[in-house]
C-alpha atoms as a PDB file:
ATOM      1  CA  MET A   1      47.210   2.087 -92.754  1.00  0.00           C
ATOM      2  CA  ALA A   2      44.773   0.388 -90.626  1.00  0.00           C
ATOM      3  CA  PHE A   3      40.974   0.189 -91.244  1.00  0.00           C
ATOM      4  CA  CYS A   4      38.266  -1.207 -89.167  1.00  0.00           C
ATOM      5  CA  GLY A   5      34.568  -1.236 -89.411  1.00  0.00           C
ATOM      6  CA  ARG A   6      31.553  -3.250 -89.444  1.00  0.00           C
ATOM      7  CA  SER A   7      30.197  -3.105 -92.944  1.00  0.00           C
ATOM      8  CA  LYS A   8      31.797  -5.589 -95.216  1.00  0.00           C
ATOM      9  CA  ASN A   9      30.743  -3.972 -98.373  1.00  0.00           C
ATOM     10  CA  LYS A  10      32.217  -0.618 -97.174  1.00  0.00           C
ATOM     11  CA  MET A  11      35.419  -2.387 -96.276  1.00  0.00           C
ATOM     12  CA  ASP A  12      35.638  -4.071 -99.793  1.00  0.00           C
ATOM     13  CA  ASP A  13      35.048  -0.550-101.312  1.00  0.00           C
ATOM     14  CA  LEU A  14      37.828   0.852 -99.092  1.00  0.00           C
ATOM     15  CA  LEU A  15      40.233  -1.838 -99.848  1.00  0.00           C
ATOM     16  CA  ASN A  16      39.566  -1.544-103.561  1.00  0.00           C
ATOM     17  CA  GLU A  17      40.471   2.143-103.404  1.00  0.00           C
ATOM     18  CA  THR A  18      43.756   1.206-101.880  1.00  0.00           C
ATOM     19  CA  ARG A  19      44.608  -1.447-104.168  1.00  0.00           C
ATOM     20  CA  GLY A  20      48.336  -1.347-104.647  1.00  0.00           C
ATOM     21  CA  PHE A  21      48.975  -0.602-100.847  1.00  0.00           C
ATOM     22  CA  GLU A  22      48.220  -4.097 -99.676  1.00  0.00           C
ATOM     23  CA  ASP A  23      51.855  -4.487 -98.232  1.00  0.00           C
ATOM     24  CA  ASN A  24      51.091  -1.635 -95.918  1.00  0.00           C
ATOM     25  CA  CYS A  25      47.500  -1.898 -94.978  1.00  0.00           C
ATOM     26  CA  TYR A  26      45.598  -3.984 -92.142  1.00  0.00           C
ATOM     27  CA  HIS A  27      42.063  -4.257 -91.594  1.00  0.00           C
ATOM     28  CA  GLU A  28      39.513  -6.198 -89.574  1.00  0.00           C
ATOM     29  CA  LEU A  29      35.723  -6.096 -89.281  1.00  0.00           C
ATOM     30  CA  PHE A  30      34.004  -5.360 -85.939  1.00  0.00           C
ATOM     31  CA  ASP A  31      31.450  -3.506 -84.068  1.00  0.00           C
ATOM     32  CA  ILE A  32      33.128  -0.435 -82.536  1.00  0.00           C
ATOM     33  CA  THR A  33      31.109  -0.866 -79.518  1.00  0.00           C
ATOM     34  CA  ASN A  34      32.586  -4.019 -78.626  1.00  0.00           C
ATOM     35  CA  GLU A  35      35.545  -3.067 -76.123  1.00  0.00           C
ATOM     36  CA  ASN A  36      37.474  -6.283 -76.502  1.00  0.00           C
ATOM     37  CA  ASP A  37      37.282  -6.152 -80.189  1.00  0.00           C
ATOM     38  CA  ILE A  38      38.984  -2.540 -80.304  1.00  0.00           C
ATOM     39  CA  LYS A  39      41.819  -3.688 -77.601  1.00  0.00           C
ATOM     40  CA  MET A  40      42.463  -6.713 -79.989  1.00  0.00           C
ATOM     41  CA  PHE A  41      42.475  -4.404 -83.055  1.00  0.00           C
ATOM     42  CA  VAL A  42      45.006  -1.869 -81.408  1.00  0.00           C
ATOM     43  CA  LYS A  43      47.182  -4.781 -80.247  1.00  0.00           C
ATOM     44  CA  ASN A  44      47.171  -6.330 -83.782  1.00  0.00           C
ATOM     45  CA  VAL A  45      47.856  -2.763 -85.498  1.00  0.00           C
ATOM     46  CA  ILE A  46      50.668  -2.418 -83.001  1.00  0.00           C
ATOM     47  CA  ASN A  47      51.832  -5.842 -83.528  1.00  0.00           C
ATOM     48  CA  ASN A  48      51.879  -5.181 -87.528  1.00  0.00           C
ATOM     49  CA  PHE A  49      53.081  -1.662 -87.538  1.00  0.00           C
ATOM     50  CA  GLY A  50      54.976  -0.993 -84.346  1.00  0.00           C
ATOM     51  CA  GLY A  51      52.466   1.546 -83.018  1.00  0.00           C
ATOM     52  CA  ILE A  52      49.966   3.997 -84.324  1.00  0.00           C
ATOM     53  CA  ASP A  53      51.027   7.578 -85.298  1.00  0.00           C
ATOM     54  CA  ILE A  54      47.855   9.099 -86.529  1.00  0.00           C
ATOM     55  CA  LEU A  55      44.397   7.922 -85.463  1.00  0.00           C
ATOM     56  CA  VAL A  56      41.027   9.199 -87.480  1.00  0.00           C
ATOM     57  CA  ASN A  57      38.040   8.233 -85.949  1.00  0.00           C
ATOM     58  CA  CYS A  58      35.047   8.147 -88.336  1.00  0.00           C
ATOM     59  CA  ALA A  59      32.902   6.132 -86.222  1.00  0.00           C
ATOM     60  CA  GLY A  60      28.915   7.168 -85.941  1.00  0.00           C
ATOM     61  CA  ALA A  61      25.609   5.812 -85.390  1.00  0.00           C
ATOM     62  CA  SER A  62      22.281   6.950 -86.822  1.00  0.00           C
ATOM     63  CA  THR A  63      18.713   6.260 -85.551  1.00  0.00           C
ATOM     64  CA  ALA A  64      17.390   6.580 -89.040  1.00  0.00           C
ATOM     65  CA  LYS A  65      14.100   8.031 -87.791  1.00  0.00           C
ATOM     66  CA  SER A  66      11.752  10.148 -89.482  1.00  0.00           C
ATOM     67  CA  TYR A  67      10.347  11.972 -86.396  1.00  0.00           C
ATOM     68  CA  LEU A  68      11.924  13.130 -83.313  1.00  0.00           C
ATOM     69  CA  LYS A  69       9.002  11.424 -81.516  1.00  0.00           C
ATOM     70  CA  ASP A  70       9.977   8.069 -82.560  1.00  0.00           C
ATOM     71  CA  ILE A  71      13.561   8.432 -81.186  1.00  0.00           C
ATOM     72  CA  LYS A  72      14.071   6.721 -77.937  1.00  0.00           C
ATOM     73  CA  THR A  73      16.618   7.555 -75.085  1.00  0.00           C
ATOM     74  CA  SER A  74      18.371   4.412 -75.906  1.00  0.00           C
ATOM     75  CA  ASP A  75      18.924   5.685 -79.319  1.00  0.00           C
ATOM     76  CA  LEU A  76      20.266   9.090 -78.149  1.00  0.00           C
ATOM     77  CA  GLU A  77      22.841   7.106 -75.984  1.00  0.00           C
ATOM     78  CA  SER A  78      24.013   5.217 -78.935  1.00  0.00           C
ATOM     79  CA  ILE A  79      24.590   8.313 -81.052  1.00  0.00           C
ATOM     80  CA  LYS A  80      26.597   9.944 -78.175  1.00  0.00           C
ATOM     81  CA  THR A  81      28.460   6.699 -77.376  1.00  0.00           C
ATOM     82  CA  VAL A  82      29.624   5.352 -80.574  1.00  0.00           C
ATOM     83  CA  PRO A  83      32.001   8.019 -81.608  1.00  0.00           C
ATOM     84  CA  ASN A  84      33.453   8.675 -78.019  1.00  0.00           C
ATOM     85  CA  LYS A  85      33.790   4.966 -77.086  1.00  0.00           C
ATOM     86  CA  GLY A  86      36.150   4.530 -79.874  1.00  0.00           C
ATOM     87  CA  ASN A  87      38.253   7.349 -78.840  1.00  0.00           C
ATOM     88  CA  LEU A  88      38.528   6.124 -75.556  1.00  0.00           C
ATOM     89  CA  GLU A  89      39.431   2.782 -76.482  1.00  0.00           C
ATOM     90  CA  PHE A  90      41.906   3.789 -78.977  1.00  0.00           C
ATOM     91  CA  GLY A  91      43.604   6.422 -77.017  1.00  0.00           C
END
């Protein structure tokens, strides 16, 4: 299993849940919007495991705004881009 994410706390929680499977796990912390980091992660996963059999993309973004009027166009672009960018780069 290979995991990536940007939150150290969430990664630590996930690694605690997978304790006992360390020999079969690989993880990295990075921001999914960084294309070079995605490419390096994929390369490292392939080097460690020989390939990727199943990919589950759980990437997402939130503006965390209280009112629609406070959301900017750039916020909407981020919400739209983050989940799809990972799919394109991992694929």
